PDB file of N, CA and C in Angstrom:
ATOM      1  N   MET A   1    -160.037 -18.206 136.506  1.00  0.00           N
ATOM      2  CA  MET A   1    -159.192 -19.156 135.846  1.00  0.00           C
ATOM      3  C   MET A   1    -159.984 -19.964 134.816  1.00  0.00           C
ATOM      4  N   GLU A   2    -161.234 -20.239 135.105  1.00  0.00           N
ATOM      5  CA  GLU A   2    -162.039 -20.990 134.139  1.00  0.00           C
ATOM      6  C   GLU A   2    -162.202 -20.211 132.837  1.00  0.00           C
ATOM      7  N   TRP A   3    -162.403 -18.931 132.964  1.00  0.00           N
ATOM      8  CA  TRP A   3    -162.590 -18.118 131.758  1.00  0.00           C
ATOM      9  C   TRP A   3    -161.302 -18.058 130.939  1.00  0.00           C
ATOM     10  N   THR A   4    -160.178 -18.116 131.558  1.00  0.00           N
ATOM     11  CA  THR A   4    -158.905 -18.105 130.851  1.00  0.00           C
ATOM     12  C   THR A   4    -158.757 -19.388 130.053  1.00  0.00           C
ATOM     13  N   VAL A   5    -159.077 -20.491 130.663  1.00  0.00           N
ATOM     14  CA  VAL A   5    -158.989 -21.784 129.973  1.00  0.00           C
ATOM     15  C   VAL A   5    -159.995 -21.826 128.832  1.00  0.00           C
ATOM     16  N   ILE A   6    -161.189 -21.331 129.075  1.00  0.00           N
ATOM     17  CA  ILE A   6    -162.218 -21.333 128.026  1.00  0.00           C
ATOM     18  C   ILE A   6    -161.802 -20.411 126.886  1.00  0.00           C
ATOM     19  N   SER A   7    -161.252 -19.242 127.216  1.00  0.00           N
ATOM     20  CA  SER A   7    -160.844 -18.313 126.159  1.00  0.00           C
ATOM     21  C   SER A   7    -159.663 -18.883 125.367  1.00  0.00           C
ATOM     22  N   LEU A   8    -158.721 -19.546 126.055  1.00  0.00           N
ATOM     23  CA  LEU A   8    -157.616 -20.196 125.344  1.00  0.00           C
ATOM     24  C   LEU A   8    -158.133 -21.324 124.447  1.00  0.00           C
ATOM     25  N   GLY A   9    -159.076 -22.087 124.957  1.00  0.00           N
ATOM     26  CA  GLY A   9    -159.649 -23.174 124.149  1.00  0.00           C
ATOM     27  C   GLY A   9    -160.378 -22.638 122.931  1.00  0.00           C
ATOM     28  N   LEU A  10    -161.117 -21.546 123.131  1.00  0.00           N
ATOM     29  CA  LEU A  10    -161.826 -20.950 121.987  1.00  0.00           C
ATOM     30  C   LEU A  10    -160.855 -20.365 120.969  1.00  0.00           C
ATOM     31  N   SER A  11    -159.783 -19.760 121.466  1.00  0.00           N
ATOM     32  CA  SER A  11    -158.807 -19.205 120.521  1.00  0.00           C
ATOM     33  C   SER A  11    -158.110 -20.330 119.750  1.00  0.00           C
ATOM     34  N   TYR A  12    -157.765 -21.438 120.426  1.00  0.00           N
ATOM     35  CA  TYR A  12    -157.181 -22.585 119.721  1.00  0.00           C
ATOM     36  C   TYR A  12    -158.168 -23.159 118.704  1.00  0.00           C
ATOM     37  N   LEU A  13    -159.422 -23.216 119.082  1.00  0.00           N
ATOM     38  CA  LEU A  13    -160.447 -23.716 118.173  1.00  0.00           C
ATOM     39  C   LEU A  13    -160.571 -22.806 116.958  1.00  0.00           C
ATOM     40  N   GLY A  14    -160.561 -21.483 117.198  1.00  0.00           N
ATOM     41  CA  GLY A  14    -160.637 -20.525 116.089  1.00  0.00           C
ATOM     42  C   GLY A  14    -159.446 -20.639 115.153  1.00  0.00           C
ATOM     43  N   VAL A  15    -158.244 -20.757 115.751  1.00  0.00           N
ATOM     44  CA  VAL A  15    -157.033 -20.907 114.930  1.00  0.00           C
ATOM     45  C   VAL A  15    -157.089 -22.221 114.151  1.00  0.00           C
ATOM     46  N   SER A  16    -157.560 -23.283 114.792  1.00  0.00           N
ATOM     47  CA  SER A  16    -157.653 -24.578 114.111  1.00  0.00           C
ATOM     48  C   SER A  16    -158.634 -24.515 112.945  1.00  0.00           C
ATOM     49  N   ILE A  17    -159.767 -23.878 113.149  1.00  0.00           N
ATOM     50  CA  ILE A  17    -160.756 -23.747 112.070  1.00  0.00           C
ATOM     51  C   ILE A  17    -160.195 -22.901 110.937  1.00  0.00           C
ATOM     52  N   ALA A  18    -159.507 -21.802 111.273  1.00  0.00           N
ATOM     53  CA  ALA A  18    -158.904 -20.957 110.237  1.00  0.00           C
ATOM     54  C   ALA A  18    -157.837 -21.733 109.474  1.00  0.00           C
ATOM     55  N   PHE A  19    -157.016 -22.511 110.193  1.00  0.00           N
ATOM     56  CA  PHE A  19    -155.973 -23.293 109.545  1.00  0.00           C
ATOM     57  C   PHE A  19    -156.583 -24.346 108.619  1.00  0.00           C
ATOM     58  N   MET A  20    -157.635 -25.002 109.082  1.00  0.00           N
ATOM     59  CA  MET A  20    -158.293 -26.011 108.243  1.00  0.00           C
ATOM     60  C   MET A  20    -158.917 -25.355 107.002  1.00  0.00           C
ATOM     61  N   GLY A  21    -159.498 -24.168 107.177  1.00  0.00           N
ATOM     62  CA  GLY A  21    -160.048 -23.456 106.025  1.00  0.00           C
ATOM     63  C   GLY A  21    -158.971 -23.089 105.023  1.00  0.00           C
ATOM     64  N   LEU A  22    -157.829 -22.607 105.537  1.00  0.00           N
ATOM     65  CA  LEU A  22    -156.712 -22.261 104.662  1.00  0.00           C
ATOM     66  C   LEU A  22    -156.193 -23.494 103.941  1.00  0.00           C
ATOM     67  N   MET A  23    -156.037 -24.593 104.646  1.00  0.00           N
ATOM     68  CA  MET A  23    -155.552 -25.822 104.024  1.00  0.00           C
ATOM     69  C   MET A  23    -156.537 -26.352 102.981  1.00  0.00           C
ATOM     70  N   SER A  24    -157.827 -26.291 103.281  1.00  0.00           N
ATOM     71  CA  SER A  24    -158.802 -26.778 102.303  1.00  0.00           C
ATOM     72  C   SER A  24    -158.794 -25.907 101.052  1.00  0.00           C
ATOM     73  N   ARG A  25    -158.609 -24.601 101.238  1.00  0.00           N
ATOM     74  CA  ARG A  25    -158.530 -23.696 100.075  1.00  0.00           C
ATOM     75  C   ARG A  25    -157.293 -24.013  99.240  1.00  0.00           C
ATOM     76  N   MET A  26    -156.150 -24.265  99.890  1.00  0.00           N
ATOM     77  CA  MET A  26    -154.922 -24.588  99.161  1.00  0.00           C
ATOM     78  C   MET A  26    -155.060 -25.910  98.410  1.00  0.00           C
ATOM     79  N   VAL A  27    -155.624 -26.910  99.089  1.00  0.00           N
ATOM     80  CA  VAL A  27    -155.794 -28.217  98.451  1.00  0.00           C
ATOM     81  C   VAL A  27    -156.761 -28.096  97.275  1.00  0.00           C
ATOM     82  N   ARG A  28    -157.851 -27.348  97.462  1.00  0.00           N
ATOM     83  CA  ARG A  28    -158.820 -27.162  96.393  1.00  0.00           C
ATOM     84  C   ARG A  28    -158.188 -26.475  95.191  1.00  0.00           C
ATOM     85  N   SER A  29    -157.361 -25.441  95.441  1.00  0.00           N
ATOM     86  CA  SER A  29    -156.715 -24.752  94.322  1.00  0.00           C
ATOM     87  C   SER A  29    -155.738 -25.672  93.605  1.00  0.00           C
ATOM     88  N   GLN A  30    -155.045 -26.533  94.362  1.00  0.00           N
ATOM     89  CA  GLN A  30    -154.144 -27.493  93.725  1.00  0.00           C
ATOM     90  C   GLN A  30    -154.916 -28.465  92.844  1.00  0.00           C
ATOM     91  N   PHE A  31    -156.029 -28.976  93.343  1.00  0.00           N
ATOM     92  CA  PHE A  31    -156.830 -29.908  92.558  1.00  0.00           C
ATOM     93  C   PHE A  31    -157.462 -29.229  91.354  1.00  0.00           C
ATOM     94  N   GLU A  32    -157.825 -27.953  91.485  1.00  0.00           N
ATOM     95  CA  GLU A  32    -158.369 -27.230  90.332  1.00  0.00           C
ATOM     96  C   GLU A  32    -157.310 -27.076  89.255  1.00  0.00           C
ATOM     97  N   GLY A  33    -156.052 -26.804  89.678  1.00  0.00           N
ATOM     98  CA  GLY A  33    -154.956 -26.712  88.705  1.00  0.00           C
ATOM     99  C   GLY A  33    -154.730 -28.035  88.009  1.00  0.00           C
ATOM    100  N   ILE A  34    -154.753 -29.115  88.774  1.00  0.00           N
ATOM    101  CA  ILE A  34    -154.582 -30.446  88.188  1.00  0.00           C
ATOM    102  C   ILE A  34    -155.753 -30.758  87.267  1.00  0.00           C
ATOM    103  N   ASN A  35    -156.955 -30.391  87.677  1.00  0.00           N
ATOM    104  CA  ASN A  35    -158.149 -30.631  86.869  1.00  0.00           C
ATOM    105  C   ASN A  35    -158.062 -29.878  85.542  1.00  0.00           C
ATOM    106  N   ARG A  36    -157.570 -28.624  85.597  1.00  0.00           N
ATOM    107  CA  ARG A  36    -157.407 -27.855  84.349  1.00  0.00           C
ATOM    108  C   ARG A  36    -156.416 -28.533  83.425  1.00  0.00           C
ATOM    109  N   ARG A  37    -155.340 -29.070  83.999  1.00  0.00           N
ATOM    110  CA  ARG A  37    -154.339 -29.766  83.174  1.00  0.00           C
ATOM    111  C   ARG A  37    -154.950 -31.008  82.517  1.00  0.00           C
ATOM    112  N   PHE A  38    -155.728 -31.753  83.309  1.00  0.00           N
ATOM    113  CA  PHE A  38    -156.374 -32.936  82.748  1.00  0.00           C
ATOM    114  C   PHE A  38    -157.372 -32.558  81.663  1.00  0.00           C
ATOM    115  N   GLU A  39    -158.078 -31.439  81.840  1.00  0.00           N
ATOM    116  CA  GLU A  39    -159.017 -30.991  80.809  1.00  0.00           C
ATOM    117  C   GLU A  39    -158.269 -30.628  79.539  1.00  0.00           C
ATOM    118  N   ALA A  40    -157.112 -29.978  79.677  1.00  0.00           N
ATOM    119  CA  ALA A  40    -156.320 -29.622  78.500  1.00  0.00           C
ATOM    120  C   ALA A  40    -155.835 -30.884  77.784  1.00  0.00           C
ATOM    121  N   ILE A  41    -155.395 -31.866  78.553  1.00  0.00           N
ATOM    122  CA  ILE A  41    -154.952 -33.130  77.953  1.00  0.00           C
ATOM    123  C   ILE A  41    -156.127 -33.823  77.277  1.00  0.00           C
ATOM    124  N   ASP A  42    -157.286 -33.799  77.913  1.00  0.00           N
ATOM    125  CA  ASP A  42    -158.488 -34.411  77.345  1.00  0.00           C
ATOM    126  C   ASP A  42    -158.870 -33.735  76.033  1.00  0.00           C
ATOM    127  N   GLN A  43    -158.769 -32.415  75.984  1.00  0.00           N
ATOM    128  CA  GLN A  43    -159.078 -31.696  74.745  1.00  0.00           C
ATOM    129  C   GLN A  43    -158.101 -32.077  73.642  1.00  0.00           C
ATOM    130  N   ARG A  44    -156.844 -32.248  73.992  1.00  0.00           N
ATOM    131  CA  ARG A  44    -155.854 -32.659  72.988  1.00  0.00           C
ATOM    132  C   ARG A  44    -156.183 -34.041  72.436  1.00  0.00           C
ATOM    133  N   PHE A  45    -156.551 -34.963  73.330  1.00  0.00           N
ATOM    134  CA  PHE A  45    -156.922 -36.296  72.867  1.00  0.00           C
ATOM    135  C   PHE A  45    -158.176 -36.253  71.992  1.00  0.00           C
ATOM    136  N   GLU A  46    -159.131 -35.387  72.324  1.00  0.00           N
ATOM    137  CA  GLU A  46    -160.327 -35.258  71.485  1.00  0.00           C
ATOM    138  C   GLU A  46    -159.957 -34.728  70.103  1.00  0.00           C
ATOM    139  N   ALA A  47    -159.025 -33.771  70.052  1.00  0.00           N
ATOM    140  CA  ALA A  47    -158.581 -33.248  68.759  1.00  0.00           C
ATOM    141  C   ALA A  47    -157.903 -34.347  67.942  1.00  0.00           C
ATOM    142  N   ILE A  48    -157.083 -35.159  68.600  1.00  0.00           N
ATOM    143  CA  ILE A  48    -156.418 -36.272  67.909  1.00  0.00           C
ATOM    144  C   ILE A  48    -157.465 -37.270  67.422  1.00  0.00           C
ATOM    145  N   ASP A  49    -158.467 -37.542  68.247  1.00  0.00           N
ATOM    146  CA  ASP A  49    -159.564 -38.442  67.867  1.00  0.00           C
ATOM    147  C   ASP A  49    -160.280 -37.935  66.620  1.00  0.00           C
ATOM    148  N   GLN A  50    -160.563 -36.654  66.579  1.00  0.00           N
ATOM    149  CA  GLN A  50    -161.241 -36.077  65.408  1.00  0.00           C
ATOM    150  C   GLN A  50    -160.375 -36.198  64.171  1.00  0.00           C
ATOM    151  N   ARG A  51    -159.065 -35.986  64.330  1.00  0.00           N
ATOM    152  CA  ARG A  51    -158.168 -36.131  63.172  1.00  0.00           C
ATOM    153  C   ARG A  51    -158.189 -37.563  62.643  1.00  0.00           C
ATOM    154  N   PHE A  52    -158.160 -38.536  63.556  1.00  0.00           N
ATOM    155  CA  PHE A  52    -158.223 -39.931  63.120  1.00  0.00           C
ATOM    156  C   PHE A  52    -159.544 -40.231  62.420  1.00  0.00           C
ATOM    157  N   GLU A  53    -160.641 -39.637  62.897  1.00  0.00           N
ATOM    158  CA  GLU A  53    -161.937 -39.854  62.248  1.00  0.00           C
ATOM    159  C   GLU A  53    -161.932 -39.287  60.835  1.00  0.00           C
ATOM    160  N   THR A  54    -161.370 -38.078  60.659  1.00  0.00           N
ATOM    161  CA  THR A  54    -161.330 -37.499  59.312  1.00  0.00           C
ATOM    162  C   THR A  54    -160.416 -38.309  58.410  1.00  0.00           C
ATOM    163  N   ILE A  55    -159.306 -38.816  58.956  1.00  0.00           N
ATOM    164  CA  ILE A  55    -158.417 -39.662  58.152  1.00  0.00           C
ATOM    165  C   ILE A  55    -159.136 -40.943  57.768  1.00  0.00           C
ATOM    166  N   GLY A  56    -159.891 -41.513  58.702  1.00  0.00           N
ATOM    167  CA  GLY A  56    -160.653 -42.725  58.397  1.00  0.00           C
ATOM    168  C   GLY A  56    -161.677 -42.478  57.307  1.00  0.00           C
ATOM    169  N   LYS A  57    -162.349 -41.334  57.354  1.00  0.00           N
ATOM    170  CA  LYS A  57    -163.325 -41.004  56.308  1.00  0.00           C
ATOM    171  C   LYS A  57    -162.638 -40.835  54.964  1.00  0.00           C
ATOM    172  N   ARG A  58    -161.454 -40.213  54.980  1.00  0.00           N
ATOM    173  CA  ARG A  58    -160.716 -40.046  53.722  1.00  0.00           C
ATOM    174  C   ARG A  58    -160.318 -41.399  53.142  1.00  0.00           C
ATOM    175  N   PHE A  59    -159.852 -42.315  53.993  1.00  0.00           N
ATOM    176  CA  PHE A  59    -159.502 -43.646  53.512  1.00  0.00           C
ATOM    177  C   PHE A  59    -160.723 -44.365  52.948  1.00  0.00           C
ATOM    178  N   ASP A  60    -161.866 -44.184  53.585  1.00  0.00           N
ATOM    179  CA  ASP A  60    -163.088 -44.798  53.064  1.00  0.00           C
ATOM    180  C   ASP A  60    -163.406 -44.263  51.671  1.00  0.00           C
ATOM    181  N   ARG A  61    -163.268 -42.952  51.485  1.00  0.00           N
ATOM    182  CA  ARG A  61    -163.525 -42.369  50.160  1.00  0.00           C
ATOM    183  C   ARG A  61    -162.539 -42.888  49.121  1.00  0.00           C
ATOM    184  N   VAL A  62    -161.262 -43.009  49.515  1.00  0.00           N
ATOM    185  CA  VAL A  62    -160.253 -43.526  48.583  1.00  0.00           C
ATOM    186  C   VAL A  62    -160.572 -44.975  48.226  1.00  0.00           C
ATOM    187  N   GLU A  63    -160.964 -45.771  49.214  1.00  0.00           N
ATOM    188  CA  GLU A  63    -161.335 -47.159  48.935  1.00  0.00           C
ATOM    189  C   GLU A  63    -162.524 -47.232  47.988  1.00  0.00           C
ATOM    190  N   ASP A  64    -163.509 -46.364  48.189  1.00  0.00           N
ATOM    191  CA  ASP A  64    -164.666 -46.349  47.288  1.00  0.00           C
ATOM    192  C   ASP A  64    -164.238 -45.991  45.867  1.00  0.00           C
ATOM    193  N   LYS A  65    -163.354 -45.016  45.738  1.00  0.00           N
ATOM    194  CA  LYS A  65    -162.882 -44.629  44.403  1.00  0.00           C
ATOM    195  C   LYS A  65    -162.098 -45.762  43.745  1.00  0.00           C
ATOM    196  N   ILE A  66    -161.282 -46.458  44.532  1.00  0.00           N
ATOM    197  CA  ILE A  66    -160.514 -47.588  43.980  1.00  0.00           C
ATOM    198  C   ILE A  66    -161.462 -48.694  43.542  1.00  0.00           C
ATOM    199  N   ASP A  67    -162.498 -48.959  44.339  1.00  0.00           N
ATOM    200  CA  ASP A  67    -163.482 -49.973  43.960  1.00  0.00           C
ATOM    201  C   ASP A  67    -164.197 -49.576  42.676  1.00  0.00           C
ATOM    202  N   ASP A  68    -164.541 -48.294  42.531  1.00  0.00           N
ATOM    203  CA  ASP A  68    -165.182 -47.820  41.303  1.00  0.00           C
ATOM    204  C   ASP A  68    -164.253 -47.989  40.108  1.00  0.00           C
ATOM    205  N   LEU A  69    -162.973 -47.666  40.301  1.00  0.00           N
ATOM    206  CA  LEU A  69    -162.013 -47.833  39.202  1.00  0.00           C
ATOM    207  C   LEU A  69    -161.852 -49.304  38.829  1.00  0.00           C
ATOM    208  N   ALA A  70    -161.855 -50.189  39.807  1.00  0.00           N
ATOM    209  CA  ALA A  70    -161.735 -51.620  39.520  1.00  0.00           C
ATOM    210  C   ALA A  70    -162.950 -52.103  38.731  1.00  0.00           C
ATOM    211  N   ARG A  71    -164.151 -51.639  39.103  1.00  0.00           N
ATOM    212  CA  ARG A  71    -165.351 -52.021  38.339  1.00  0.00           C
ATOM    213  C   ARG A  71    -165.282 -51.484  36.916  1.00  0.00           C
ATOM    214  N   ASP A  72    -164.837 -50.225  36.779  1.00  0.00           N
ATOM    215  CA  ASP A  72    -164.694 -49.663  35.433  1.00  0.00           C
ATOM    216  C   ASP A  72    -163.684 -50.457  34.616  1.00  0.00           C
ATOM    217  N   HIS A  73    -162.584 -50.859  35.234  1.00  0.00           N
ATOM    218  CA  HIS A  73    -161.562 -51.631  34.527  1.00  0.00           C
ATOM    219  C   HIS A  73    -162.113 -52.971  34.070  1.00  0.00           C
ATOM    220  N   GLN A  74    -162.842 -53.653  34.937  1.00  0.00           N
ATOM    221  CA  GLN A  74    -163.427 -54.939  34.563  1.00  0.00           C
ATOM    222  C   GLN A  74    -164.425 -54.769  33.425  1.00  0.00           C
ATOM    223  N   SER A  75    -165.217 -53.720  33.486  1.00  0.00           N
ATOM    224  CA  SER A  75    -166.195 -53.471  32.431  1.00  0.00           C
ATOM    225  C   SER A  75    -165.498 -53.192  31.099  1.00  0.00           C
ATOM    226  N   LEU A  76    -164.470 -52.348  31.145  1.00  0.00           N
ATOM    227  CA  LEU A  76    -163.740 -52.040  29.910  1.00  0.00           C
ATOM    228  C   LEU A  76    -163.000 -53.265  29.379  1.00  0.00           C
ATOM    229  N   ALA A  77    -162.468 -54.099  30.260  1.00  0.00           N
ATOM    230  CA  ALA A  77    -161.767 -55.305  29.813  1.00  0.00           C
ATOM    231  C   ALA A  77    -162.736 -56.251  29.105  1.00  0.00           C
ATOM    232  N   ARG A  78    -163.949 -56.377  29.652  1.00  0.00           N
ATOM    233  CA  ARG A  78    -164.958 -57.219  28.989  1.00  0.00           C
ATOM    234  C   ARG A  78    -165.311 -56.657  27.610  1.00  0.00           C
ATOM    235  N   GLU A  79    -165.532 -55.346  27.546  1.00  0.00           N
ATOM    236  CA  GLU A  79    -165.889 -54.731  26.264  1.00  0.00           C
ATOM    237  C   GLU A  79    -164.763 -54.877  25.252  1.00  0.00           C
ATOM    238  N   LEU A  80    -163.511 -54.705  25.695  1.00  0.00           N
ATOM    239  CA  LEU A  80    -162.374 -54.855  24.788  1.00  0.00           C
ATOM    240  C   LEU A  80    -162.259 -56.291  24.295  1.00  0.00           C
ATOM    241  N   SER A  81    -162.507 -57.237  25.174  1.00  0.00           N
ATOM    242  CA  SER A  81    -162.461 -58.640  24.776  1.00  0.00           C
ATOM    243  C   SER A  81    -163.552 -58.930  23.743  1.00  0.00           C
ATOM    244  N   GLU A  82    -164.755 -58.398  23.971  1.00  0.00           N
ATOM    245  CA  GLU A  82    -165.838 -58.594  22.994  1.00  0.00           C
ATOM    246  C   GLU A  82    -165.483 -57.944  21.665  1.00  0.00           C
ATOM    247  N   PHE A  83    -164.896 -56.758  21.710  1.00  0.00           N
ATOM    248  CA  PHE A  83    -164.520 -56.065  20.476  1.00  0.00           C
ATOM    249  C   PHE A  83    -163.453 -56.836  19.720  1.00  0.00           C
ATOM    250  N   ARG A  84    -162.472 -57.382  20.459  1.00  0.00           N
ATOM    251  CA  ARG A  84    -161.419 -58.155  19.813  1.00  0.00           C
ATOM    252  C   ARG A  84    -162.007 -59.395  19.136  1.00  0.00           C
ATOM    253  N   GLY A  85    -162.929 -60.062  19.828  1.00  0.00           N
ATOM    254  CA  GLY A  85    -163.566 -61.241  19.233  1.00  0.00           C
ATOM    255  C   GLY A  85    -164.380 -60.862  18.008  1.00  0.00           C
ATOM    256  N   GLU A  86    -165.072 -59.731  18.058  1.00  0.00           N
ATOM    257  CA  GLU A  86    -165.866 -59.286  16.915  1.00  0.00           C
ATOM    258  C   GLU A  86    -164.976 -58.959  15.723  1.00  0.00           C
ATOM    259  N   MET A  87    -163.846 -58.302  15.979  1.00  0.00           N
ATOM    260  CA  MET A  87    -162.927 -57.956  14.886  1.00  0.00           C
ATOM    261  C   MET A  87    -162.311 -59.205  14.275  1.00  0.00           C
ATOM    262  N   ARG A  88    -161.973 -60.177  15.096  1.00  0.00           N
ATOM    263  CA  ARG A  88    -161.427 -61.429  14.556  1.00  0.00           C
ATOM    264  C   ARG A  88    -162.475 -62.139  13.711  1.00  0.00           C
ATOM    265  N   GLY A  89    -163.711 -62.092  14.165  1.00  0.00           N
ATOM    266  CA  GLY A  89    -164.771 -62.736  13.392  1.00  0.00           C
ATOM    267  C   GLY A  89    -164.973 -62.044  12.054  1.00  0.00           C
ATOM    268  N   ARG A  90    -164.911 -60.730  11.999  1.00  0.00           N
ATOM    269  CA  ARG A  90    -165.131 -60.006  10.742  1.00  0.00           C
ATOM    270  C   ARG A  90    -163.929 -60.097   9.821  1.00  0.00           C
ATOM    271  N   LEU A  91    -162.727 -59.957  10.382  1.00  0.00           N
ATOM    272  CA  LEU A  91    -161.535 -59.926   9.547  1.00  0.00           C
ATOM    273  C   LEU A  91    -160.915 -61.300   9.348  1.00  0.00           C
ATOM    274  N   GLY A  92    -161.263 -62.227  10.174  1.00  0.00           N
ATOM    275  CA  GLY A  92    -160.652 -63.548  10.076  1.00  0.00           C
ATOM    276  C   GLY A  92    -159.320 -63.518  10.788  1.00  0.00           C
ATOM    277  N   ASP A  93    -158.743 -64.704  10.946  1.00  0.00           N
ATOM    278  CA  ASP A  93    -157.443 -64.765  11.590  1.00  0.00           C
ATOM    279  C   ASP A  93    -156.396 -64.186  10.648  1.00  0.00           C
ATOM    280  N   PRO A  94    -155.566 -63.320  11.157  1.00  0.00           N
ATOM    281  CA  PRO A  94    -154.525 -62.762  10.270  1.00  0.00           C
ATOM    282  C   PRO A  94    -153.519 -63.839   9.873  1.00  0.00           C
ATOM    283  N   GLN A  95    -153.102 -63.766   8.617  1.00  0.00           N
ATOM    284  CA  GLN A  95    -152.117 -64.714   8.110  1.00  0.00           C
ATOM    285  C   GLN A  95    -150.731 -64.257   8.550  1.00  0.00           C
ATOM    286  N   SER A  96    -149.942 -65.202   8.934  1.00  0.00           N
ATOM    287  CA  SER A  96    -148.575 -64.841   9.305  1.00  0.00           C
ATOM    288  C   SER A  96    -147.797 -64.571   8.036  1.00  0.00           C
ATOM    289  N   VAL A  97    -146.984 -63.569   8.064  1.00  0.00           N
ATOM    290  CA  VAL A  97    -146.198 -63.174   6.904  1.00  0.00           C
ATOM    291  C   VAL A  97    -144.887 -63.947   6.926  1.00  0.00           C
ATOM    292  N   THR A  98    -144.628 -64.699   5.831  1.00  0.00           N
ATOM    293  CA  THR A  98    -143.379 -65.453   5.750  1.00  0.00           C
ATOM    294  C   THR A  98    -142.581 -64.881   4.596  1.00  0.00           C
ATOM    295  N   SER A  99    -141.320 -64.692   4.823  1.00  0.00           N
ATOM    296  CA  SER A  99    -140.527 -64.171   3.732  1.00  0.00           C
ATOM    297  C   SER A  99    -139.530 -65.143   3.236  1.00  0.00           C
TER     298      SER A  99
END
């Protein structure tokens, strides 16, 4: 009778260990699936991050070009003002035409 109880206990122990192994494998596979999904979402966010970085760089370049154009405009405005003053000095003030 002792051997029967021991053999039943060992068989229950074996079944319990097999069941726990099966459950751990199922849980692990579920977590791996969830982990893959999170990795895919993470990759999407990284792609979006890179797009924002390239857009930011483009805006920086546009701002630099606008600043260059503003400097060119100021320089040309100064030169035009000097030219206008020089022409007035050489030609004198124009007389208004009265009829």
